[in-house]
Amino acid sequence: YTEMGLSNFYKLPSELKENLNKQYRFASDGASPHTIEEVY
């Protein structure tokens, strides 16, 4: 989540981007730690 990180990602080959998006999924779609704790 920085301009440098975004720029580096854009320059990668498309097949690698697809794989990294899967690896990075929970940097975007996960639940916040305090919400998980509150629910439990």
PDB file of all heavy atoms in Angstrom:
ATOM      1  N   TYR A   1       0.804  -1.215   0.000  1.00  0.00           N
ATOM      2  CA  TYR A   1       0.000   0.000   0.000  1.00  0.00           C
ATOM      3  C   TYR A   1       0.839   1.268   0.000  1.00  0.00           C
ATOM      4  O   TYR A   1       0.609   2.194   0.783  1.00  0.00           O
ATOM      5  CB  TYR A   1      -0.969  -0.022   1.183  1.00  0.00           C
ATOM      6  CG  TYR A   1      -2.075  -1.033   1.004  1.00  0.00           C
ATOM      7  CD1 TYR A   1      -1.982  -2.297   1.555  1.00  0.00           C
ATOM      8  CD2 TYR A   1      -3.204  -0.735   0.273  1.00  0.00           C
ATOM      9  CE1 TYR A   1      -2.993  -3.232   1.382  1.00  0.00           C
ATOM     10  CE2 TYR A   1      -4.213  -1.661   0.088  1.00  0.00           C
ATOM     11  CZ  TYR A   1      -4.101  -2.906   0.639  1.00  0.00           C
ATOM     12  OH  TYR A   1      -5.106  -3.829   0.457  1.00  0.00           O
ATOM     13  N   THR A   2       1.818   1.312  -0.872  1.00  0.00           N
ATOM     14  CA  THR A   2       2.614   2.510  -1.105  1.00  0.00           C
ATOM     15  C   THR A   2       2.731   2.733  -2.607  1.00  0.00           C
ATOM     16  O   THR A   2       2.503   1.815  -3.406  1.00  0.00           O
ATOM     17  CB  THR A   2       4.026   2.377  -0.511  1.00  0.00           C
ATOM     18  OG1 THR A   2       4.692   1.264  -1.144  1.00  0.00           O
ATOM     19  CG2 THR A   2       3.987   2.163   1.000  1.00  0.00           C
ATOM     20  N   GLU A   3       3.097   3.942  -2.993  1.00  0.00           N
ATOM     21  CA  GLU A   3       3.270   4.225  -4.419  1.00  0.00           C
ATOM     22  C   GLU A   3       4.365   3.358  -5.023  1.00  0.00           C
ATOM     23  O   GLU A   3       4.246   2.881  -6.151  1.00  0.00           O
ATOM     24  CB  GLU A   3       3.584   5.702  -4.624  1.00  0.00           C
ATOM     25  CG  GLU A   3       2.403   6.621  -4.385  1.00  0.00           C
ATOM     26  CD  GLU A   3       2.643   8.028  -4.871  1.00  0.00           C
ATOM     27  OE1 GLU A   3       2.865   8.212  -6.078  1.00  0.00           O
ATOM     28  OE2 GLU A   3       2.612   8.959  -4.053  1.00  0.00           O
ATOM     29  N   MET A   4       5.440   3.141  -4.258  1.00  0.00           N
ATOM     30  CA  MET A   4       6.519   2.289  -4.730  1.00  0.00           C
ATOM     31  C   MET A   4       6.023   0.858  -4.937  1.00  0.00           C
ATOM     32  O   MET A   4       6.310   0.224  -5.955  1.00  0.00           O
ATOM     33  CB  MET A   4       7.690   2.309  -3.739  1.00  0.00           C
ATOM     34  CG  MET A   4       8.846   1.364  -4.086  1.00  0.00           C
ATOM     35  SD  MET A   4       9.747   1.869  -5.567  1.00  0.00           S
ATOM     36  CE  MET A   4      10.696   3.242  -4.901  1.00  0.00           C
ATOM     37  N   GLY A   5       5.260   0.341  -3.957  1.00  0.00           N
ATOM     38  CA  GLY A   5       4.730  -1.009  -4.064  1.00  0.00           C
ATOM     39  C   GLY A   5       3.807  -1.165  -5.256  1.00  0.00           C
ATOM     40  O   GLY A   5       3.849  -2.169  -5.978  1.00  0.00           O
ATOM     41  N   LEU A   6       2.960  -0.160  -5.486  1.00  0.00           N
ATOM     42  CA  LEU A   6       2.042  -0.184  -6.618  1.00  0.00           C
ATOM     43  C   LEU A   6       2.800  -0.168  -7.941  1.00  0.00           C
ATOM     44  O   LEU A   6       2.489  -0.924  -8.855  1.00  0.00           O
ATOM     45  CB  LEU A   6       1.089   1.011  -6.534  1.00  0.00           C
ATOM     46  CG  LEU A   6       0.072   1.175  -7.663  1.00  0.00           C
ATOM     47  CD1 LEU A   6      -0.825  -0.038  -7.762  1.00  0.00           C
ATOM     48  CD2 LEU A   6      -0.767   2.428  -7.434  1.00  0.00           C
ATOM     49  N   SER A   7       3.814   0.682  -8.023  1.00  0.00           N
ATOM     50  CA  SER A   7       4.609   0.786  -9.243  1.00  0.00           C
ATOM     51  C   SER A   7       5.340  -0.521  -9.536  1.00  0.00           C
ATOM     52  O   SER A   7       5.382  -0.983 -10.683  1.00  0.00           O
ATOM     53  CB  SER A   7       5.607   1.935  -9.111  1.00  0.00           C
ATOM     54  OG  SER A   7       6.417   2.044 -10.249  1.00  0.00           O
ATOM     55  N   ASN A   8       5.915  -1.121  -8.493  1.00  0.00           N
ATOM     56  CA  ASN A   8       6.616  -2.397  -8.663  1.00  0.00           C
ATOM     57  C   ASN A   8       5.675  -3.488  -9.154  1.00  0.00           C
ATOM     58  O   ASN A   8       6.022  -4.296 -10.030  1.00  0.00           O
ATOM     59  CB  ASN A   8       7.267  -2.826  -7.352  1.00  0.00           C
ATOM     60  CG  ASN A   8       8.473  -1.978  -6.986  1.00  0.00           C
ATOM     61  OD1 ASN A   8       9.057  -1.297  -7.837  1.00  0.00           O
ATOM     62  ND2 ASN A   8       8.861  -2.001  -5.716  1.00  0.00           N
ATOM     63  N   PHE A   9       4.463  -3.522  -8.586  1.00  0.00           N
ATOM     64  CA  PHE A   9       3.498  -4.549  -8.971  1.00  0.00           C
ATOM     65  C   PHE A   9       3.087  -4.389 -10.426  1.00  0.00           C
ATOM     66  O   PHE A   9       3.003  -5.371 -11.170  1.00  0.00           O
ATOM     67  CB  PHE A   9       2.259  -4.492  -8.062  1.00  0.00           C
ATOM     68  CG  PHE A   9       1.269  -5.597  -8.318  1.00  0.00           C
ATOM     69  CD1 PHE A   9       1.340  -6.775  -7.597  1.00  0.00           C
ATOM     70  CD2 PHE A   9       0.277  -5.466  -9.278  1.00  0.00           C
ATOM     71  CE1 PHE A   9       0.445  -7.808  -7.843  1.00  0.00           C
ATOM     72  CE2 PHE A   9      -0.624  -6.487  -9.520  1.00  0.00           C
ATOM     73  CZ  PHE A   9      -0.544  -7.656  -8.797  1.00  0.00           C
ATOM     74  N   TYR A  10       2.831  -3.156 -10.862  1.00  0.00           N
ATOM     75  CA  TYR A  10       2.343  -2.938 -12.226  1.00  0.00           C
ATOM     76  C   TYR A  10       3.329  -3.455 -13.268  1.00  0.00           C
ATOM     77  O   TYR A  10       2.933  -3.949 -14.314  1.00  0.00           O
ATOM     78  CB  TYR A  10       2.050  -1.455 -12.478  1.00  0.00           C
ATOM     79  CG  TYR A  10       1.426  -1.246 -13.838  1.00  0.00           C
ATOM     80  CD1 TYR A  10       0.068  -1.444 -14.030  1.00  0.00           C
ATOM     81  CD2 TYR A  10       2.206  -0.916 -14.936  1.00  0.00           C
ATOM     82  CE1 TYR A  10      -0.503  -1.298 -15.280  1.00  0.00           C
ATOM     83  CE2 TYR A  10       1.644  -0.763 -16.193  1.00  0.00           C
ATOM     84  CZ  TYR A  10       0.282  -0.958 -16.363  1.00  0.00           C
ATOM     85  OH  TYR A  10      -0.285  -0.828 -17.605  1.00  0.00           O
ATOM     86  N   LYS A  11       4.619  -3.376 -12.984  1.00  0.00           N
ATOM     87  CA  LYS A  11       5.654  -3.753 -13.945  1.00  0.00           C
ATOM     88  C   LYS A  11       5.812  -5.273 -14.088  1.00  0.00           C
ATOM     89  O   LYS A  11       6.500  -5.740 -14.998  1.00  0.00           O
ATOM     90  CB  LYS A  11       6.994  -3.147 -13.533  1.00  0.00           C
ATOM     91  CG  LYS A  11       7.040  -1.614 -13.580  1.00  0.00           C
ATOM     92  CD  LYS A  11       8.404  -1.111 -13.143  1.00  0.00           C
ATOM     93  CE  LYS A  11       8.527   0.411 -13.288  1.00  0.00           C
ATOM     94  NZ  LYS A  11       7.754   1.130 -12.327  1.00  0.00           N
ATOM     95  N   LEU A  12       5.189  -6.051 -13.222  1.00  0.00           N
ATOM     96  CA  LEU A  12       5.343  -7.506 -13.249  1.00  0.00           C
ATOM     97  C   LEU A  12       4.573  -8.124 -14.410  1.00  0.00           C
ATOM     98  O   LEU A  12       3.569  -7.572 -14.878  1.00  0.00           O
ATOM     99  CB  LEU A  12       4.853  -8.114 -11.932  1.00  0.00           C
ATOM    100  CG  LEU A  12       5.630  -7.722 -10.662  1.00  0.00           C
ATOM    101  CD1 LEU A  12       4.898  -8.238  -9.427  1.00  0.00           C
ATOM    102  CD2 LEU A  12       7.048  -8.263 -10.702  1.00  0.00           C
ATOM    103  N   PRO A  13       4.981  -9.310 -14.875  1.00  0.00           N
ATOM    104  CA  PRO A  13       4.223 -10.017 -15.911  1.00  0.00           C
ATOM    105  C   PRO A  13       2.839 -10.413 -15.402  1.00  0.00           C
ATOM    106  O   PRO A  13       2.653 -10.659 -14.216  1.00  0.00           O
ATOM    107  CB  PRO A  13       5.080 -11.261 -16.205  1.00  0.00           C
ATOM    108  CG  PRO A  13       6.301 -11.133 -15.421  1.00  0.00           C
ATOM    109  CD  PRO A  13       6.222 -10.028 -14.481  1.00  0.00           C
ATOM    110  N   SER A  14       1.868 -10.469 -16.293  1.00  0.00           N
ATOM    111  CA  SER A  14       0.474 -10.687 -15.910  1.00  0.00           C
ATOM    112  C   SER A  14       0.272 -12.011 -15.179  1.00  0.00           C
ATOM    113  O   SER A  14      -0.525 -12.097 -14.236  1.00  0.00           O
ATOM    114  CB  SER A  14      -0.433 -10.614 -17.139  1.00  0.00           C
ATOM    115  OG  SER A  14      -0.038 -11.525 -18.128  1.00  0.00           O
ATOM    116  N   GLU A  15       0.977 -13.085 -15.605  1.00  0.00           N
ATOM    117  CA  GLU A  15       0.794 -14.376 -14.949  1.00  0.00           C
ATOM    118  C   GLU A  15       1.285 -14.341 -13.504  1.00  0.00           C
ATOM    119  O   GLU A  15       0.718 -15.000 -12.624  1.00  0.00           O
ATOM    120  CB  GLU A  15       1.486 -15.506 -15.725  1.00  0.00           C
ATOM    121  CG  GLU A  15       3.012 -15.341 -15.890  1.00  0.00           C
ATOM    122  CD  GLU A  15       3.412 -14.533 -17.108  1.00  0.00           C
ATOM    123  OE1 GLU A  15       2.541 -13.860 -17.700  1.00  0.00           O
ATOM    124  OE2 GLU A  15       4.617 -14.566 -17.452  1.00  0.00           O
ATOM    125  N   LEU A  16       2.313 -13.560 -13.237  1.00  0.00           N
ATOM    126  CA  LEU A  16       2.818 -13.422 -11.878  1.00  0.00           C
ATOM    127  C   LEU A  16       1.858 -12.572 -11.045  1.00  0.00           C
ATOM    128  O   LEU A  16       1.646 -12.835  -9.863  1.00  0.00           O
ATOM    129  CB  LEU A  16       4.217 -12.805 -11.893  1.00  0.00           C
ATOM    130  CG  LEU A  16       4.938 -12.657 -10.545  1.00  0.00           C
ATOM    131  CD1 LEU A  16       4.990 -13.990  -9.808  1.00  0.00           C
ATOM    132  CD2 LEU A  16       6.345 -12.093 -10.734  1.00  0.00           C
ATOM    133  N   LYS A  17       1.275 -11.542 -11.654  1.00  0.00           N
ATOM    134  CA  LYS A  17       0.295 -10.708 -10.954  1.00  0.00           C
ATOM    135  C   LYS A  17      -0.873 -11.547 -10.441  1.00  0.00           C
ATOM    136  O   LYS A  17      -1.332 -11.361  -9.304  1.00  0.00           O
ATOM    137  CB  LYS A  17      -0.235  -9.616 -11.881  1.00  0.00           C
ATOM    138  CG  LYS A  17       0.750  -8.515 -12.205  1.00  0.00           C
ATOM    139  CD  LYS A  17       0.110  -7.501 -13.125  1.00  0.00           C
ATOM    140  CE  LYS A  17       1.088  -6.401 -13.510  1.00  0.00           C
ATOM    141  NZ  LYS A  17       0.485  -5.407 -14.428  1.00  0.00           N
ATOM    142  N   GLU A  18      -1.351 -12.440 -11.263  1.00  0.00           N
ATOM    143  CA  GLU A  18      -2.486 -13.280 -10.881  1.00  0.00           C
ATOM    144  C   GLU A  18      -2.151 -14.115  -9.646  1.00  0.00           C
ATOM    145  O   GLU A  18      -2.950 -14.235  -8.723  1.00  0.00           O
ATOM    146  CB  GLU A  18      -2.886 -14.182 -12.049  1.00  0.00           C
ATOM    147  CG  GLU A  18      -4.166 -14.979 -11.809  1.00  0.00           C
ATOM    148  CD  GLU A  18      -4.587 -15.784 -13.024  1.00  0.00           C
ATOM    149  OE1 GLU A  18      -3.957 -15.642 -14.109  1.00  0.00           O
ATOM    150  OE2 GLU A  18      -5.560 -16.548 -12.898  1.00  0.00           O
ATOM    151  N   ASN A  19      -0.964 -14.676  -9.627  1.00  0.00           N
ATOM    152  CA  ASN A  19      -0.522 -15.488  -8.494  1.00  0.00           C
ATOM    153  C   ASN A  19      -0.342 -14.637  -7.235  1.00  0.00           C
ATOM    154  O   ASN A  19      -0.750 -15.026  -6.139  1.00  0.00           O
ATOM    155  CB  ASN A  19       0.779 -16.204  -8.846  1.00  0.00           C
ATOM    156  CG  ASN A  19       1.228 -17.168  -7.764  1.00  0.00           C
ATOM    157  OD1 ASN A  19       0.444 -17.945  -7.237  1.00  0.00           O
ATOM    158  ND2 ASN A  19       2.506 -17.119  -7.428  1.00  0.00           N
ATOM    159  N   LEU A  20       0.255 -13.457  -7.390  1.00  0.00           N
ATOM    160  CA  LEU A  20       0.475 -12.580  -6.241  1.00  0.00           C
ATOM    161  C   LEU A  20      -0.833 -12.051  -5.667  1.00  0.00           C
ATOM    162  O   LEU A  20      -0.971 -11.885  -4.455  1.00  0.00           O
ATOM    163  CB  LEU A  20       1.383 -11.415  -6.632  1.00  0.00           C
ATOM    164  CG  LEU A  20       2.870 -11.734  -6.775  1.00  0.00           C
ATOM    165  CD1 LEU A  20       3.634 -10.518  -7.249  1.00  0.00           C
ATOM    166  CD2 LEU A  20       3.456 -12.234  -5.453  1.00  0.00           C
ATOM    167  N   ASN A  21      -1.807 -11.795  -6.523  1.00  0.00           N
ATOM    168  CA  ASN A  21      -3.110 -11.345  -6.036  1.00  0.00           C
ATOM    169  C   ASN A  21      -3.745 -12.375  -5.113  1.00  0.00           C
ATOM    170  O   ASN A  21      -4.411 -12.033  -4.136  1.00  0.00           O
ATOM    171  CB  ASN A  21      -4.045 -11.028  -7.198  1.00  0.00           C
ATOM    172  CG  ASN A  21      -3.872  -9.609  -7.723  1.00  0.00           C
ATOM    173  OD1 ASN A  21      -3.366  -8.735  -7.020  1.00  0.00           O
ATOM    174  ND2 ASN A  21      -4.295  -9.378  -8.954  1.00  0.00           N
ATOM    175  N   LYS A  22      -3.531 -13.651  -5.432  1.00  0.00           N
ATOM    176  CA  LYS A  22      -4.029 -14.714  -4.556  1.00  0.00           C
ATOM    177  C   LYS A  22      -3.275 -14.704  -3.226  1.00  0.00           C
ATOM    178  O   LYS A  22      -3.871 -14.857  -2.158  1.00  0.00           O
ATOM    179  CB  LYS A  22      -3.896 -16.072  -5.249  1.00  0.00           C
ATOM    180  CG  LYS A  22      -4.801 -16.248  -6.458  1.00  0.00           C
ATOM    181  CD  LYS A  22      -4.541 -17.577  -7.153  1.00  0.00           C
ATOM    182  CE  LYS A  22      -5.415 -17.720  -8.399  1.00  0.00           C
ATOM    183  NZ  LYS A  22      -5.124 -18.976  -9.147  1.00  0.00           N
ATOM    184  N   GLN A  23      -1.954 -14.517  -3.295  1.00  0.00           N
ATOM    185  CA  GLN A  23      -1.145 -14.486  -2.080  1.00  0.00           C
ATOM    186  C   GLN A  23      -1.459 -13.266  -1.210  1.00  0.00           C
ATOM    187  O   GLN A  23      -1.438 -13.339   0.017  1.00  0.00           O
ATOM    188  CB  GLN A  23       0.344 -14.480  -2.430  1.00  0.00           C
ATOM    189  CG  GLN A  23       0.858 -15.779  -3.066  1.00  0.00           C
ATOM    190  CD  GLN A  23       2.354 -15.739  -3.288  1.00  0.00           C
ATOM    191  OE1 GLN A  23       3.110 -15.320  -2.422  1.00  0.00           O
ATOM    192  NE2 GLN A  23       2.799 -16.155  -4.467  1.00  0.00           N
ATOM    193  N   TYR A  24      -1.760 -12.155  -1.865  1.00  0.00           N
ATOM    194  CA  TYR A  24      -2.006 -10.899  -1.150  1.00  0.00           C
ATOM    195  C   TYR A  24      -3.472 -10.718  -0.753  1.00  0.00           C
ATOM    196  O   TYR A  24      -3.830  -9.681  -0.188  1.00  0.00           O
ATOM    197  CB  TYR A  24      -1.600  -9.697  -2.013  1.00  0.00           C
ATOM    198  CG  TYR A  24      -0.135  -9.588  -2.344  1.00  0.00           C
ATOM    199  CD1 TYR A  24       0.300  -8.717  -3.351  1.00  0.00           C
ATOM    200  CD2 TYR A  24       0.820 -10.330  -1.666  1.00  0.00           C
ATOM    201  CE1 TYR A  24       1.637  -8.589  -3.656  1.00  0.00           C
ATOM    202  CE2 TYR A  24       2.173 -10.224  -1.978  1.00  0.00           C
ATOM    203  CZ  TYR A  24       2.568  -9.355  -2.980  1.00  0.00           C
ATOM    204  OH  TYR A  24       3.892  -9.231  -3.293  1.00  0.00           O
ATOM    205  N   ARG A  25      -4.288 -11.714  -1.000  1.00  0.00           N
ATOM    206  CA  ARG A  25      -5.733 -11.556  -0.827  1.00  0.00           C
ATOM    207  C   ARG A  25      -6.107 -10.995   0.537  1.00  0.00           C
ATOM    208  O   ARG A  25      -6.901 -10.064   0.651  1.00  0.00           O
ATOM    209  CB  ARG A  25      -6.421 -12.901  -1.042  1.00  0.00           C
ATOM    210  CG  ARG A  25      -7.923 -12.851  -0.804  1.00  0.00           C
ATOM    211  CD  ARG A  25      -8.541 -14.228  -0.857  1.00  0.00           C
ATOM    212  NE  ARG A  25      -9.888 -14.219  -0.320  1.00  0.00           N
ATOM    213  CZ  ARG A  25     -10.587 -15.295  -0.048  1.00  0.00           C
ATOM    214  NH1 ARG A  25     -10.055 -16.501  -0.266  1.00  0.00           N
ATOM    215  NH2 ARG A  25     -11.809 -15.191   0.458  1.00  0.00           N
ATOM    216  N   PHE A  26      -5.525 -11.561   1.585  1.00  0.00           N
ATOM    217  CA  PHE A  26      -5.944 -11.162   2.926  1.00  0.00           C
ATOM    218  C   PHE A  26      -5.267  -9.892   3.416  1.00  0.00           C
ATOM    219  O   PHE A  26      -5.487  -9.463   4.548  1.00  0.00           O
ATOM    220  CB  PHE A  26      -5.761 -12.321   3.908  1.00  0.00           C
ATOM    221  CG  PHE A  26      -6.683 -13.477   3.610  1.00  0.00           C
ATOM    222  CD1 PHE A  26      -6.195 -14.672   3.129  1.00  0.00           C
ATOM    223  CD2 PHE A  26      -8.042 -13.334   3.764  1.00  0.00           C
ATOM    224  CE1 PHE A  26      -7.046 -15.722   2.825  1.00  0.00           C
ATOM    225  CE2 PHE A  26      -8.913 -14.380   3.456  1.00  0.00           C
ATOM    226  CZ  PHE A  26      -8.409 -15.572   2.991  1.00  0.00           C
ATOM    227  N   ALA A  27      -4.476  -9.293   2.548  1.00  0.00           N
ATOM    228  CA  ALA A  27      -4.031  -7.926   2.806  1.00  0.00           C
ATOM    229  C   ALA A  27      -5.105  -6.939   2.380  1.00  0.00           C
ATOM    230  O   ALA A  27      -4.999  -5.743   2.620  1.00  0.00           O
ATOM    231  CB  ALA A  27      -2.734  -7.635   2.061  1.00  0.00           C
ATOM    232  N   SER A  28      -6.158  -7.456   1.772  1.00  0.00           N
ATOM    233  CA  SER A  28      -7.259  -6.631   1.296  1.00  0.00           C
ATOM    234  C   SER A  28      -8.614  -7.081   1.838  1.00  0.00           C
ATOM    235  O   SER A  28      -9.440  -6.265   2.230  1.00  0.00           O
ATOM    236  CB  SER A  28      -7.293  -6.646  -0.240  1.00  0.00           C
ATOM    237  OG  SER A  28      -8.412  -5.981  -0.748  1.00  0.00           O
ATOM    238  N   ASP A  29      -8.836  -8.396   1.896  1.00  0.00           N
ATOM    239  CA  ASP A  29     -10.176  -8.917   2.166  1.00  0.00           C
ATOM    240  C   ASP A  29     -10.392  -9.473   3.572  1.00  0.00           C
ATOM    241  O   ASP A  29     -11.504  -9.859   3.902  1.00  0.00           O
ATOM    242  CB  ASP A  29     -10.511 -10.037   1.165  1.00  0.00           C
ATOM    243  CG  ASP A  29     -10.598  -9.533  -0.265  1.00  0.00           C
ATOM    244  OD1 ASP A  29     -10.733  -8.308  -0.451  1.00  0.00           O
ATOM    245  OD2 ASP A  29     -10.523 -10.353  -1.190  1.00  0.00           O
ATOM    246  N   GLY A  30      -9.379  -9.552   4.386  1.00  0.00           N
ATOM    247  CA  GLY A  30      -9.543 -10.144   5.710  1.00  0.00           C
ATOM    248  C   GLY A  30     -10.312  -9.243   6.678  1.00  0.00           C
ATOM    249  O   GLY A  30     -10.580  -8.073   6.411  1.00  0.00           O
ATOM    250  N   ALA A  31     -10.672  -9.817   7.823  1.00  0.00           N
ATOM    251  CA  ALA A  31     -11.367  -9.075   8.877  1.00  0.00           C
ATOM    252  C   ALA A  31     -10.353  -8.441   9.825  1.00  0.00           C
ATOM    253  O   ALA A  31      -9.264  -8.988  10.053  1.00  0.00           O
ATOM    254  CB  ALA A  31     -12.304 -10.000   9.649  1.00  0.00           C
ATOM    255  N   SER A  32     -10.690  -7.291  10.382  1.00  0.00           N
ATOM    256  CA  SER A  32      -9.772  -6.607  11.289  1.00  0.00           C
ATOM    257  C   SER A  32      -9.622  -7.401  12.588  1.00  0.00           C
ATOM    258  O   SER A  32     -10.595  -8.007  13.073  1.00  0.00           O
ATOM    259  CB  SER A  32     -10.270  -5.194  11.601  1.00  0.00           C
ATOM    260  OG  SER A  32     -11.495  -5.233  12.283  1.00  0.00           O
ATOM    261  N   PRO A  33      -8.432  -7.425  13.176  1.00  0.00           N
ATOM    262  CA  PRO A  33      -8.190  -8.202  14.397  1.00  0.00           C
ATOM    263  C   PRO A  33      -9.127  -7.830  15.542  1.00  0.00           C
ATOM    264  O   PRO A  33      -9.621  -8.712  16.256  1.00  0.00           O
ATOM    265  CB  PRO A  33      -6.731  -7.877  14.736  1.00  0.00           C
ATOM    266  CG  PRO A  33      -6.115  -7.453  13.441  1.00  0.00           C
ATOM    267  CD  PRO A  33      -7.198  -6.786  12.665  1.00  0.00           C
ATOM    268  N   HIS A  34      -9.403  -6.529  15.728  1.00  0.00           N
ATOM    269  CA  HIS A  34     -10.252  -6.136  16.854  1.00  0.00           C
ATOM    270  C   HIS A  34     -11.698  -6.582  16.648  1.00  0.00           C
ATOM    271  O   HIS A  34     -12.409  -6.871  17.617  1.00  0.00           O
ATOM    272  CB  HIS A  34     -10.168  -4.613  17.101  1.00  0.00           C
ATOM    273  CG  HIS A  34     -10.893  -3.763  16.096  1.00  0.00           C
ATOM    274  ND1 HIS A  34     -10.287  -3.290  14.975  1.00  0.00           N
ATOM    275  CD2 HIS A  34     -12.185  -3.309  16.058  1.00  0.00           C
ATOM    276  CE1 HIS A  34     -11.148  -2.567  14.285  1.00  0.00           C
ATOM    277  NE2 HIS A  34     -12.311  -2.567  14.914  1.00  0.00           N
ATOM    278  N   THR A  35     -12.157  -6.657  15.375  1.00  0.00           N
ATOM    279  CA  THR A  35     -13.515  -7.144  15.112  1.00  0.00           C
ATOM    280  C   THR A  35     -13.622  -8.631  15.400  1.00  0.00           C
ATOM    281  O   THR A  35     -14.596  -9.090  16.003  1.00  0.00           O
ATOM    282  CB  THR A  35     -13.922  -6.861  13.650  1.00  0.00           C
ATOM    283  OG1 THR A  35     -13.767  -5.477  13.361  1.00  0.00           O
ATOM    284  CG2 THR A  35     -15.367  -7.259  13.405  1.00  0.00           C
ATOM    285  N   ILE A  36     -12.624  -9.402  14.982  1.00  0.00           N
ATOM    286  CA  ILE A  36     -12.597 -10.836  15.276  1.00  0.00           C
ATOM    287  C   ILE A  36     -12.624 -11.071  16.778  1.00  0.00           C
ATOM    288  O   ILE A  36     -13.391 -11.896  17.292  1.00  0.00           O
ATOM    289  CB  ILE A  36     -11.355 -11.495  14.647  1.00  0.00           C
ATOM    290  CG1 ILE A  36     -11.428 -11.424  13.116  1.00  0.00           C
ATOM    291  CG2 ILE A  36     -11.213 -12.945  15.103  1.00  0.00           C
ATOM    292  CD1 ILE A  36     -10.163 -11.897  12.411  1.00  0.00           C
ATOM    293  N   GLU A  37     -11.794 -10.320  17.498  1.00  0.00           N
ATOM    294  CA  GLU A  37     -11.723 -10.461  18.955  1.00  0.00           C
ATOM    295  C   GLU A  37     -13.058 -10.113  19.607  1.00  0.00           C
ATOM    296  O   GLU A  37     -13.535 -10.823  20.498  1.00  0.00           O
ATOM    297  CB  GLU A  37     -10.616  -9.579  19.512  1.00  0.00           C
ATOM    298  CG  GLU A  37     -10.418  -9.704  21.019  1.00  0.00           C
ATOM    299  CD  GLU A  37      -9.258  -8.862  21.504  1.00  0.00           C
ATOM    300  OE1 GLU A  37      -9.378  -7.615  21.506  1.00  0.00           O
ATOM    301  OE2 GLU A  37      -8.231  -9.441  21.871  1.00  0.00           O
ATOM    302  N   GLU A  38     -13.673  -9.017  19.160  1.00  0.00           N
ATOM    303  CA  GLU A  38     -14.953  -8.598  19.732  1.00  0.00           C
ATOM    304  C   GLU A  38     -16.034  -9.649  19.528  1.00  0.00           C
ATOM    305  O   GLU A  38     -16.799  -9.949  20.457  1.00  0.00           O
ATOM    306  CB  GLU A  38     -15.394  -7.275  19.116  1.00  0.00           C
ATOM    307  CG  GLU A  38     -16.689  -6.725  19.715  1.00  0.00           C
ATOM    308  CD  GLU A  38     -17.113  -5.391  19.127  1.00  0.00           C
ATOM    309  OE1 GLU A  38     -16.346  -4.824  18.303  1.00  0.00           O
ATOM    310  OE2 GLU A  38     -18.204  -4.910  19.488  1.00  0.00           O
ATOM    311  N   VAL A  39     -16.102 -10.236  18.334  1.00  0.00           N
ATOM    312  CA  VAL A  39     -17.106 -11.257  18.062  1.00  0.00           C
ATOM    313  C   VAL A  39     -16.870 -12.492  18.918  1.00  0.00           C
ATOM    314  O   VAL A  39     -17.815 -13.031  19.512  1.00  0.00           O
ATOM    315  CB  VAL A  39     -17.122 -11.629  16.559  1.00  0.00           C
ATOM    316  CG1 VAL A  39     -17.988 -12.861  16.319  1.00  0.00           C
ATOM    317  CG2 VAL A  39     -17.627 -10.461  15.724  1.00  0.00           C
ATOM    318  N   TYR A  40     -15.634 -12.938  18.988  1.00  0.00           N
ATOM    319  CA  TYR A  40     -15.350 -14.145  19.781  1.00  0.00           C
ATOM    320  C   TYR A  40     -15.680 -13.923  21.253  1.00  0.00           C
ATOM    321  O   TYR A  40     -16.266 -14.783  21.910  1.00  0.00           O
ATOM    322  CB  TYR A  40     -13.896 -14.579  19.623  1.00  0.00           C
ATOM    323  CG  TYR A  40     -13.659 -15.998  20.114  1.00  0.00           C
ATOM    324  CD1 TYR A  40     -13.827 -17.075  19.262  1.00  0.00           C
ATOM    325  CD2 TYR A  40     -13.323 -16.255  21.441  1.00  0.00           C
ATOM    326  CE1 TYR A  40     -13.649 -18.379  19.710  1.00  0.00           C
ATOM    327  CE2 TYR A  40     -13.139 -17.544  21.897  1.00  0.00           C
ATOM    328  CZ  TYR A  40     -13.302 -18.608  21.031  1.00  0.00           C
ATOM    329  OH  TYR A  40     -13.137 -19.902  21.485  1.00  0.00           O
TER     330      TYR A  40
END
